[in-house]
Amino acid sequence: MAELIWTAPMHYYSRSDEAAFFGWLQSIPGVTGIRGQGHELVIRLKSKKLSQTALRELLALYRRYGGDMSELEQFANDTNRSWFQNPDAYWYNAVFASQR
């Protein structure tokens, strides 16, 4: 089992917006649990090797809700390198800032 720690502050614009965030997060394949821990959100994952669908959903969720996208760099692997580490992708600079 793997964990992803959301460290960015959370800002919701309504109760429905908060419900949408957690509903979306729980719908992502491979997410097995979520819990708050102080000012962080611990996202439990079935595996550190995420499907393309799951990783793309996490990218979109992090972008939409202002997460620290560099937290997703840990999911880069040989299987997803061709699309995930594409320098032309909207997320590349935010996810792979440490590689520049």
PDB file of N, CA and C in Angstrom:
ATOM      1  N   MET A   1       0.849  -1.180   0.000  1.00  0.00           N
ATOM      2  CA  MET A   1       0.000   0.000   0.000  1.00  0.00           C
ATOM      3  C   MET A   1       0.891   1.239   0.000  1.00  0.00           C
ATOM      4  N   ALA A   2       0.465   2.255  -0.684  1.00  0.00           N
ATOM      5  CA  ALA A   2       1.207   3.511  -0.775  1.00  0.00           C
ATOM      6  C   ALA A   2       0.345   4.638  -0.230  1.00  0.00           C
ATOM      7  N   GLU A   3       0.984   5.733   0.094  1.00  0.00           N
ATOM      8  CA  GLU A   3       0.255   6.908   0.566  1.00  0.00           C
ATOM      9  C   GLU A   3       0.721   8.136  -0.198  1.00  0.00           C
ATOM     10  N   LEU A   4      -0.218   9.014  -0.419  1.00  0.00           N
ATOM     11  CA  LEU A   4       0.037  10.306  -1.027  1.00  0.00           C
ATOM     12  C   LEU A   4      -0.399  11.334   0.001  1.00  0.00           C
ATOM     13  N   ILE A   5       0.462  12.278   0.329  1.00  0.00           N
ATOM     14  CA  ILE A   5       0.140  13.294   1.333  1.00  0.00           C
ATOM     15  C   ILE A   5      -0.138  14.620   0.631  1.00  0.00           C
ATOM     16  N   TRP A   6      -1.374  15.096   0.742  1.00  0.00           N
ATOM     17  CA  TRP A   6      -1.775  16.391   0.177  1.00  0.00           C
ATOM     18  C   TRP A   6      -1.404  17.437   1.215  1.00  0.00           C
ATOM     19  N   THR A   7      -0.456  18.309   0.883  1.00  0.00           N
ATOM     20  CA  THR A   7       0.029  19.292   1.848  1.00  0.00           C
ATOM     21  C   THR A   7      -0.513  20.694   1.616  1.00  0.00           C
ATOM     22  N   ALA A   8      -1.061  20.963   0.449  1.00  0.00           N
ATOM     23  CA  ALA A   8      -1.548  22.309   0.130  1.00  0.00           C
ATOM     24  C   ALA A   8      -2.798  22.627   0.943  1.00  0.00           C
ATOM     25  N   PRO A   9      -2.971  23.897   1.311  1.00  0.00           N
ATOM     26  CA  PRO A   9      -4.201  24.278   2.022  1.00  0.00           C
ATOM     27  C   PRO A   9      -5.422  24.026   1.149  1.00  0.00           C
ATOM     28  N   MET A  10      -6.499  23.626   1.755  1.00  0.00           N
ATOM     29  CA  MET A  10      -7.734  23.341   1.019  1.00  0.00           C
ATOM     30  C   MET A  10      -8.660  24.551   1.096  1.00  0.00           C
ATOM     31  N   HIS A  11      -9.209  24.941  -0.034  1.00  0.00           N
ATOM     32  CA  HIS A  11     -10.159  26.047  -0.095  1.00  0.00           C
ATOM     33  C   HIS A  11     -11.365  25.585  -0.903  1.00  0.00           C
ATOM     34  N   TYR A  12     -12.504  25.515  -0.249  1.00  0.00           N
ATOM     35  CA  TYR A  12     -13.738  25.128  -0.932  1.00  0.00           C
ATOM     36  C   TYR A  12     -14.632  26.361  -1.000  1.00  0.00           C
ATOM     37  N   TYR A  13     -15.419  26.439  -2.043  1.00  0.00           N
ATOM     38  CA  TYR A  13     -16.278  27.594  -2.235  1.00  0.00           C
ATOM     39  C   TYR A  13     -17.701  27.352  -1.767  1.00  0.00           C
ATOM     40  N   SER A  14     -18.016  26.112  -1.441  1.00  0.00           N
ATOM     41  CA  SER A  14     -19.328  25.768  -0.896  1.00  0.00           C
ATOM     42  C   SER A  14     -19.253  24.342  -0.359  1.00  0.00           C
ATOM     43  N   ARG A  15     -20.281  23.929   0.336  1.00  0.00           N
ATOM     44  CA  ARG A  15     -20.325  22.537   0.821  1.00  0.00           C
ATOM     45  C   ARG A  15     -20.359  21.554  -0.356  1.00  0.00           C
ATOM     46  N   SER A  16     -21.044  21.941  -1.410  1.00  0.00           N
ATOM     47  CA  SER A  16     -21.094  21.064  -2.585  1.00  0.00           C
ATOM     48  C   SER A  16     -19.729  20.944  -3.243  1.00  0.00           C
ATOM     49  N   ASP A  17     -18.954  22.021  -3.216  1.00  0.00           N
ATOM     50  CA  ASP A  17     -17.605  21.983  -3.772  1.00  0.00           C
ATOM     51  C   ASP A  17     -16.743  21.015  -2.959  1.00  0.00           C
ATOM     52  N   GLU A  18     -16.852  21.043  -1.659  1.00  0.00           N
ATOM     53  CA  GLU A  18     -16.111  20.108  -0.810  1.00  0.00           C
ATOM     54  C   GLU A  18     -16.553  18.670  -1.073  1.00  0.00           C
ATOM     55  N   ALA A  19     -17.862  18.468  -1.187  1.00  0.00           N
ATOM     56  CA  ALA A  19     -18.388  17.125  -1.472  1.00  0.00           C
ATOM     57  C   ALA A  19     -17.897  16.640  -2.835  1.00  0.00           C
ATOM     58  N   ALA A  20     -17.824  17.559  -3.808  1.00  0.00           N
ATOM     59  CA  ALA A  20     -17.344  17.197  -5.142  1.00  0.00           C
ATOM     60  C   ALA A  20     -15.879  16.768  -5.077  1.00  0.00           C
ATOM     61  N   PHE A  21     -15.069  17.482  -4.300  1.00  0.00           N
ATOM     62  CA  PHE A  21     -13.656  17.124  -4.159  1.00  0.00           C
ATOM     63  C   PHE A  21     -13.513  15.707  -3.616  1.00  0.00           C
ATOM     64  N   PHE A  22     -14.167  15.427  -2.497  1.00  0.00           N
ATOM     65  CA  PHE A  22     -14.015  14.111  -1.884  1.00  0.00           C
ATOM     66  C   PHE A  22     -14.666  13.004  -2.715  1.00  0.00           C
ATOM     67  N   GLY A  23     -15.777  13.314  -3.359  1.00  0.00           N
ATOM     68  CA  GLY A  23     -16.405  12.339  -4.253  1.00  0.00           C
ATOM     69  C   GLY A  23     -15.499  11.988  -5.419  1.00  0.00           C
ATOM     70  N   TRP A  24     -14.890  13.001  -6.007  1.00  0.00           N
ATOM     71  CA  TRP A  24     -13.966  12.793  -7.124  1.00  0.00           C
ATOM     72  C   TRP A  24     -12.767  11.978  -6.665  1.00  0.00           C
ATOM     73  N   LEU A  25     -12.184  12.362  -5.537  1.00  0.00           N
ATOM     74  CA  LEU A  25     -11.011  11.659  -5.025  1.00  0.00           C
ATOM     75  C   LEU A  25     -11.324  10.187  -4.754  1.00  0.00           C
ATOM     76  N   GLN A  26     -12.445   9.915  -4.144  1.00  0.00           N
ATOM     77  CA  GLN A  26     -12.819   8.530  -3.827  1.00  0.00           C
ATOM     78  C   GLN A  26     -13.153   7.720  -5.059  1.00  0.00           C
ATOM     79  N   SER A  27     -13.489   8.390  -6.160  1.00  0.00           N
ATOM     80  CA  SER A  27     -13.840   7.671  -7.397  1.00  0.00           C
ATOM     81  C   SER A  27     -12.616   7.278  -8.223  1.00  0.00           C
ATOM     82  N   ILE A  28     -11.451   7.768  -7.858  1.00  0.00           N
ATOM     83  CA  ILE A  28     -10.239   7.495  -8.634  1.00  0.00           C
ATOM     84  C   ILE A  28      -9.797   6.054  -8.391  1.00  0.00           C
ATOM     85  N   PRO A  29      -9.599   5.293  -9.462  1.00  0.00           N
ATOM     86  CA  PRO A  29      -9.161   3.898  -9.301  1.00  0.00           C
ATOM     87  C   PRO A  29      -7.869   3.807  -8.491  1.00  0.00           C
ATOM     88  N   GLY A  30      -7.857   2.924  -7.533  1.00  0.00           N
ATOM     89  CA  GLY A  30      -6.668   2.726  -6.718  1.00  0.00           C
ATOM     90  C   GLY A  30      -6.664   3.487  -5.407  1.00  0.00           C
ATOM     91  N   VAL A  31      -7.557   4.465  -5.246  1.00  0.00           N
ATOM     92  CA  VAL A  31      -7.666   5.176  -3.967  1.00  0.00           C
ATOM     93  C   VAL A  31      -8.469   4.285  -3.027  1.00  0.00           C
ATOM     94  N   THR A  32      -7.859   3.908  -1.914  1.00  0.00           N
ATOM     95  CA  THR A  32      -8.514   2.979  -0.982  1.00  0.00           C
ATOM     96  C   THR A  32      -8.971   3.640   0.303  1.00  0.00           C
ATOM     97  N   GLY A  33      -8.515   4.853   0.572  1.00  0.00           N
ATOM     98  CA  GLY A  33      -8.933   5.533   1.785  1.00  0.00           C
ATOM     99  C   GLY A  33      -8.396   6.947   1.851  1.00  0.00           C
ATOM    100  N   ILE A  34      -9.052   7.762   2.670  1.00  0.00           N
ATOM    101  CA  ILE A  34      -8.672   9.163   2.837  1.00  0.00           C
ATOM    102  C   ILE A  34      -8.859   9.509   4.305  1.00  0.00           C
ATOM    103  N   ARG A  35      -7.871  10.214   4.880  1.00  0.00           N
ATOM    104  CA  ARG A  35      -8.047  10.681   6.253  1.00  0.00           C
ATOM    105  C   ARG A  35      -7.291  11.987   6.441  1.00  0.00           C
ATOM    106  N   GLY A  36      -7.833  12.831   7.285  1.00  0.00           N
ATOM    107  CA  GLY A  36      -7.161  14.064   7.634  1.00  0.00           C
ATOM    108  C   GLY A  36      -6.138  13.789   8.724  1.00  0.00           C
ATOM    109  N   GLN A  37      -5.033  14.489   8.650  1.00  0.00           N
ATOM    110  CA  GLN A  37      -3.979  14.352   9.660  1.00  0.00           C
ATOM    111  C   GLN A  37      -3.396  15.746   9.860  1.00  0.00           C
ATOM    112  N   GLY A  38      -3.877  16.450  10.870  1.00  0.00           N
ATOM    113  CA  GLY A  38      -3.461  17.838  11.063  1.00  0.00           C
ATOM    114  C   GLY A  38      -3.931  18.675   9.889  1.00  0.00           C
ATOM    115  N   HIS A  39      -2.989  19.362   9.230  1.00  0.00           N
ATOM    116  CA  HIS A  39      -3.324  20.184   8.061  1.00  0.00           C
ATOM    117  C   HIS A  39      -3.096  19.433   6.756  1.00  0.00           C
ATOM    118  N   GLU A  40      -2.873  18.144   6.851  1.00  0.00           N
ATOM    119  CA  GLU A  40      -2.614  17.331   5.659  1.00  0.00           C
ATOM    120  C   GLU A  40      -3.757  16.353   5.416  1.00  0.00           C
ATOM    121  N   LEU A  41      -3.838  15.910   4.191  1.00  0.00           N
ATOM    122  CA  LEU A  41      -4.799  14.896   3.804  1.00  0.00           C
ATOM    123  C   LEU A  41      -3.992  13.684   3.349  1.00  0.00           C
ATOM    124  N   VAL A  42      -4.200  12.552   4.008  1.00  0.00           N
ATOM    125  CA  VAL A  42      -3.488  11.325   3.660  1.00  0.00           C
ATOM    126  C   VAL A  42      -4.386  10.508   2.736  1.00  0.00           C
ATOM    127  N   ILE A  43      -3.894  10.256   1.551  1.00  0.00           N
ATOM    128  CA  ILE A  43      -4.633   9.499   0.542  1.00  0.00           C
ATOM    129  C   ILE A  43      -3.963   8.133   0.434  1.00  0.00           C
ATOM    130  N   ARG A  44      -4.682   7.094   0.830  1.00  0.00           N
ATOM    131  CA  ARG A  44      -4.128   5.741   0.745  1.00  0.00           C
ATOM    132  C   ARG A  44      -4.405   5.186  -0.645  1.00  0.00           C
ATOM    133  N   LEU A  45      -3.381   4.549  -1.196  1.00  0.00           N
ATOM    134  CA  LEU A  45      -3.456   3.994  -2.543  1.00  0.00           C
ATOM    135  C   LEU A  45      -3.173   2.505  -2.506  1.00  0.00           C
ATOM    136  N   LYS A  46      -3.823   1.788  -3.374  1.00  0.00           N
ATOM    137  CA  LYS A  46      -3.618   0.341  -3.494  1.00  0.00           C
ATOM    138  C   LYS A  46      -2.172   0.018  -3.821  1.00  0.00           C
ATOM    139  N   SER A  47      -1.569   0.862  -4.658  1.00  0.00           N
ATOM    140  CA  SER A  47      -0.208   0.625  -5.122  1.00  0.00           C
ATOM    141  C   SER A  47       0.408   1.950  -5.545  1.00  0.00           C
ATOM    142  N   LYS A  48       1.705   2.015  -5.560  1.00  0.00           N
ATOM    143  CA  LYS A  48       2.384   3.209  -6.058  1.00  0.00           C
ATOM    144  C   LYS A  48       2.386   3.246  -7.585  1.00  0.00           C
ATOM    145  N   LYS A  49       2.098   2.094  -8.205  1.00  0.00           N
ATOM    146  CA  LYS A  49       2.011   2.035  -9.660  1.00  0.00           C
ATOM    147  C   LYS A  49       0.551   2.284 -10.061  1.00  0.00           C
ATOM    148  N   LEU A  50       0.260   3.518 -10.452  1.00  0.00           N
ATOM    149  CA  LEU A  50      -1.107   3.918 -10.792  1.00  0.00           C
ATOM    150  C   LEU A  50      -1.390   3.694 -12.272  1.00  0.00           C
ATOM    151  N   SER A  51      -2.635   3.428 -12.577  1.00  0.00           N
ATOM    152  CA  SER A  51      -3.051   3.331 -13.974  1.00  0.00           C
ATOM    153  C   SER A  51      -2.989   4.726 -14.599  1.00  0.00           C
ATOM    154  N   GLN A  52      -2.982   4.759 -15.912  1.00  0.00           N
ATOM    155  CA  GLN A  52      -2.996   6.043 -16.614  1.00  0.00           C
ATOM    156  C   GLN A  52      -4.237   6.837 -16.221  1.00  0.00           C
ATOM    157  N   THR A  53      -5.375   6.185 -16.145  1.00  0.00           N
ATOM    158  CA  THR A  53      -6.616   6.860 -15.773  1.00  0.00           C
ATOM    159  C   THR A  53      -6.495   7.477 -14.383  1.00  0.00           C
ATOM    160  N   ALA A  54      -5.997   6.710 -13.428  1.00  0.00           N
ATOM    161  CA  ALA A  54      -5.877   7.203 -12.054  1.00  0.00           C
ATOM    162  C   ALA A  54      -4.923   8.388 -11.979  1.00  0.00           C
ATOM    163  N   LEU A  55      -3.789   8.282 -12.630  1.00  0.00           N
ATOM    164  CA  LEU A  55      -2.806   9.367 -12.574  1.00  0.00           C
ATOM    165  C   LEU A  55      -3.331  10.620 -13.266  1.00  0.00           C
ATOM    166  N   ARG A  56      -4.011  10.461 -14.381  1.00  0.00           N
ATOM    167  CA  ARG A  56      -4.593  11.623 -15.061  1.00  0.00           C
ATOM    168  C   ARG A  56      -5.670  12.284 -14.192  1.00  0.00           C
ATOM    169  N   GLU A  57      -6.444  11.481 -13.482  1.00  0.00           N
ATOM    170  CA  GLU A  57      -7.466  12.041 -12.579  1.00  0.00           C
ATOM    171  C   GLU A  57      -6.811  12.790 -11.420  1.00  0.00           C
ATOM    172  N   LEU A  58      -5.735  12.242 -10.870  1.00  0.00           N
ATOM    173  CA  LEU A  58      -5.024  12.945  -9.795  1.00  0.00           C
ATOM    174  C   LEU A  58      -4.420  14.249 -10.307  1.00  0.00           C
ATOM    175  N   LEU A  59      -3.862  14.245 -11.507  1.00  0.00           N
ATOM    176  CA  LEU A  59      -3.333  15.476 -12.100  1.00  0.00           C
ATOM    177  C   LEU A  59      -4.426  16.534 -12.206  1.00  0.00           C
ATOM    178  N   ALA A  60      -5.584  16.138 -12.702  1.00  0.00           N
ATOM    179  CA  ALA A  60      -6.686  17.079 -12.867  1.00  0.00           C
ATOM    180  C   ALA A  60      -7.196  17.577 -11.517  1.00  0.00           C
ATOM    181  N   LEU A  61      -7.332  16.668 -10.557  1.00  0.00           N
ATOM    182  CA  LEU A  61      -7.815  17.043  -9.224  1.00  0.00           C
ATOM    183  C   LEU A  61      -6.835  18.006  -8.551  1.00  0.00           C
ATOM    184  N   TYR A  62      -5.551  17.697  -8.615  1.00  0.00           N
ATOM    185  CA  TYR A  62      -4.541  18.575  -8.017  1.00  0.00           C
ATOM    186  C   TYR A  62      -4.558  19.953  -8.685  1.00  0.00           C
ATOM    187  N   ARG A  63      -4.702  19.975  -9.988  1.00  0.00           N
ATOM    188  CA  ARG A  63      -4.736  21.260 -10.710  1.00  0.00           C
ATOM    189  C   ARG A  63      -5.980  22.054 -10.316  1.00  0.00           C
ATOM    190  N   ARG A  64      -7.115  21.407 -10.314  1.00  0.00           N
ATOM    191  CA  ARG A  64      -8.383  22.089 -10.017  1.00  0.00           C
ATOM    192  C   ARG A  64      -8.434  22.631  -8.595  1.00  0.00           C
ATOM    193  N   TYR A  65      -7.921  21.870  -7.633  1.00  0.00           N
ATOM    194  CA  TYR A  65      -8.026  22.259  -6.226  1.00  0.00           C
ATOM    195  C   TYR A  65      -6.722  22.819  -5.648  1.00  0.00           C
ATOM    196  N   GLY A  66      -5.767  23.128  -6.483  1.00  0.00           N
ATOM    197  CA  GLY A  66      -4.568  23.825  -6.036  1.00  0.00           C
ATOM    198  C   GLY A  66      -3.603  22.998  -5.209  1.00  0.00           C
ATOM    199  N   GLY A  67      -3.554  21.691  -5.461  1.00  0.00           N
ATOM    200  CA  GLY A  67      -2.600  20.844  -4.756  1.00  0.00           C
ATOM    201  C   GLY A  67      -1.180  21.093  -5.242  1.00  0.00           C
ATOM    202  N   ASP A  68      -0.231  20.683  -4.450  1.00  0.00           N
ATOM    203  CA  ASP A  68       1.180  20.785  -4.831  1.00  0.00           C
ATOM    204  C   ASP A  68       1.463  19.647  -5.800  1.00  0.00           C
ATOM    205  N   MET A  69       1.463  19.958  -7.068  1.00  0.00           N
ATOM    206  CA  MET A  69       1.564  18.925  -8.096  1.00  0.00           C
ATOM    207  C   MET A  69       2.888  18.178  -8.071  1.00  0.00           C
ATOM    208  N   SER A  70       3.921  18.748  -7.444  1.00  0.00           N
ATOM    209  CA  SER A  70       5.196  18.035  -7.357  1.00  0.00           C
ATOM    210  C   SER A  70       5.066  16.765  -6.512  1.00  0.00           C
ATOM    211  N   GLU A  71       4.015  16.674  -5.708  1.00  0.00           N
ATOM    212  CA  GLU A  71       3.765  15.465  -4.930  1.00  0.00           C
ATOM    213  C   GLU A  71       3.484  14.259  -5.823  1.00  0.00           C
ATOM    214  N   LEU A  72       3.121  14.511  -7.074  1.00  0.00           N
ATOM    215  CA  LEU A  72       2.784  13.430  -8.003  1.00  0.00           C
ATOM    216  C   LEU A  72       4.003  12.893  -8.763  1.00  0.00           C
ATOM    217  N   GLU A  73       5.138  13.569  -8.642  1.00  0.00           N
ATOM    218  CA  GLU A  73       6.351  13.132  -9.339  1.00  0.00           C
ATOM    219  C   GLU A  73       6.730  11.695  -8.977  1.00  0.00           C
ATOM    220  N   GLN A  74       6.430  11.283  -7.763  1.00  0.00           N
ATOM    221  CA  GLN A  74       6.797   9.942  -7.296  1.00  0.00           C
ATOM    222  C   GLN A  74       6.158   8.819  -8.114  1.00  0.00           C
ATOM    223  N   PHE A  75       5.144   9.134  -8.907  1.00  0.00           N
ATOM    224  CA  PHE A  75       4.446   8.110  -9.680  1.00  0.00           C
ATOM    225  C   PHE A  75       5.014   7.916 -11.076  1.00  0.00           C
ATOM    226  N   ALA A  76       6.083   8.639 -11.409  1.00  0.00           N
ATOM    227  CA  ALA A  76       6.732   8.453 -12.710  1.00  0.00           C
ATOM    228  C   ALA A  76       7.418   7.090 -12.729  1.00  0.00           C
ATOM    229  N   ASN A  77       7.244   6.381 -13.831  1.00  0.00           N
ATOM    230  CA  ASN A  77       7.899   5.083 -13.993  1.00  0.00           C
ATOM    231  C   ASN A  77       8.096   4.812 -15.482  1.00  0.00           C
ATOM    232  N   ASP A  78       8.734   3.710 -15.801  1.00  0.00           N
ATOM    233  CA  ASP A  78       9.013   3.384 -17.207  1.00  0.00           C
ATOM    234  C   ASP A  78       7.749   3.221 -18.038  1.00  0.00           C
ATOM    235  N   THR A  79       6.676   2.760 -17.417  1.00  0.00           N
ATOM    236  CA  THR A  79       5.426   2.522 -18.134  1.00  0.00           C
ATOM    237  C   THR A  79       4.746   3.816 -18.568  1.00  0.00           C
ATOM    238  N   ASN A  80       4.805   4.857 -17.741  1.00  0.00           N
ATOM    239  CA  ASN A  80       4.084   6.092 -18.073  1.00  0.00           C
ATOM    240  C   ASN A  80       4.983   7.234 -18.542  1.00  0.00           C
ATOM    241  N   ARG A  81       6.268   6.980 -18.608  1.00  0.00           N
ATOM    242  CA  ARG A  81       7.229   8.039 -18.948  1.00  0.00           C
ATOM    243  C   ARG A  81       6.872   8.779 -20.239  1.00  0.00           C
ATOM    244  N   SER A  82       6.429   8.083 -21.271  1.00  0.00           N
ATOM    245  CA  SER A  82       6.184   8.702 -22.576  1.00  0.00           C
ATOM    246  C   SER A  82       5.122   9.800 -22.524  1.00  0.00           C
ATOM    247  N   TRP A  83       4.112   9.652 -21.709  1.00  0.00           N
ATOM    248  CA  TRP A  83       3.089  10.697 -21.642  1.00  0.00           C
ATOM    249  C   TRP A  83       3.199  11.536 -20.365  1.00  0.00           C
ATOM    250  N   PHE A  84       3.565  10.937 -19.234  1.00  0.00           N
ATOM    251  CA  PHE A  84       3.591  11.665 -17.972  1.00  0.00           C
ATOM    252  C   PHE A  84       4.745  12.670 -17.918  1.00  0.00           C
ATOM    253  N   GLN A  85       5.882  12.320 -18.504  1.00  0.00           N
ATOM    254  CA  GLN A  85       7.038  13.211 -18.487  1.00  0.00           C
ATOM    255  C   GLN A  85       7.196  13.968 -19.806  1.00  0.00           C
ATOM    256  N   ASN A  86       6.072  14.231 -20.460  1.00  0.00           N
ATOM    257  CA  ASN A  86       6.057  14.994 -21.698  1.00  0.00           C
ATOM    258  C   ASN A  86       6.224  16.485 -21.362  1.00  0.00           C
ATOM    259  N   PRO A  87       7.309  17.112 -21.790  1.00  0.00           N
ATOM    260  CA  PRO A  87       7.547  18.525 -21.457  1.00  0.00           C
ATOM    261  C   PRO A  87       6.492  19.486 -21.991  1.00  0.00           C
ATOM    262  N   ASP A  88       5.678  19.047 -22.953  1.00  0.00           N
ATOM    263  CA  ASP A  88       4.632  19.903 -23.504  1.00  0.00           C
ATOM    264  C   ASP A  88       3.310  19.783 -22.740  1.00  0.00           C
ATOM    265  N   ALA A  89       3.210  18.864 -21.793  1.00  0.00           N
ATOM    266  CA  ALA A  89       1.974  18.658 -21.041  1.00  0.00           C
ATOM    267  C   ALA A  89       1.762  19.806 -20.052  1.00  0.00           C
ATOM    268  N   TYR A  90       0.508  20.157 -19.811  1.00  0.00           N
ATOM    269  CA  TYR A  90       0.187  21.287 -18.928  1.00  0.00           C
ATOM    270  C   TYR A  90       0.743  21.101 -17.519  1.00  0.00           C
ATOM    271  N   TRP A  91       0.932  19.880 -17.086  1.00  0.00           N
ATOM    272  CA  TRP A  91       1.360  19.619 -15.713  1.00  0.00           C
ATOM    273  C   TRP A  91       2.882  19.511 -15.559  1.00  0.00           C
ATOM    274  N   TYR A  92       3.606  19.405 -16.672  1.00  0.00           N
ATOM    275  CA  TYR A  92       5.025  19.051 -16.603  1.00  0.00           C
ATOM    276  C   TYR A  92       5.827  19.954 -15.658  1.00  0.00           C
ATOM    277  N   ASN A  93       5.772  21.255 -15.855  1.00  0.00           N
ATOM    278  CA  ASN A  93       6.567  22.167 -15.023  1.00  0.00           C
ATOM    279  C   ASN A  93       6.184  22.077 -13.556  1.00  0.00           C
ATOM    280  N   ALA A  94       4.917  21.926 -13.260  1.00  0.00           N
ATOM    281  CA  ALA A  94       4.470  21.857 -11.870  1.00  0.00           C
ATOM    282  C   ALA A  94       4.867  20.539 -11.198  1.00  0.00           C
ATOM    283  N   VAL A  95       4.831  19.455 -11.946  1.00  0.00           N
ATOM    284  CA  VAL A  95       5.150  18.139 -11.377  1.00  0.00           C
ATOM    285  C   VAL A  95       6.660  17.917 -11.302  1.00  0.00           C
ATOM    286  N   PHE A  96       7.368  18.278 -12.349  1.00  0.00           N
ATOM    287  CA  PHE A  96       8.780  17.950 -12.461  1.00  0.00           C
ATOM    288  C   PHE A  96       9.706  19.141 -12.277  1.00  0.00           C
ATOM    289  N   ALA A  97       9.324  20.091 -11.466  1.00  0.00           N
ATOM    290  CA  ALA A  97      10.140  21.297 -11.224  1.00  0.00           C
ATOM    291  C   ALA A  97      11.529  20.934 -10.715  1.00  0.00           C
ATOM    292  N   SER A  98      11.633  19.862  -9.955  1.00  0.00           N
ATOM    293  CA  SER A  98      12.933  19.471  -9.384  1.00  0.00           C
ATOM    294  C   SER A  98      13.899  18.971 -10.452  1.00  0.00           C
ATOM    295  N   GLN A  99      13.396  18.630 -11.629  1.00  0.00           N
ATOM    296  CA  GLN A  99      14.256  18.096 -12.694  1.00  0.00           C
ATOM    297  C   GLN A  99      14.781  19.195 -13.624  1.00  0.00           C
ATOM    298  N   ARG A 100      14.340  20.411 -13.417  1.00  0.00           N
ATOM    299  CA  ARG A 100      14.806  21.513 -14.276  1.00  0.00           C
ATOM    300  C   ARG A 100      16.083  22.102 -13.755  1.00  0.00           C
TER     301      ARG A 100
END
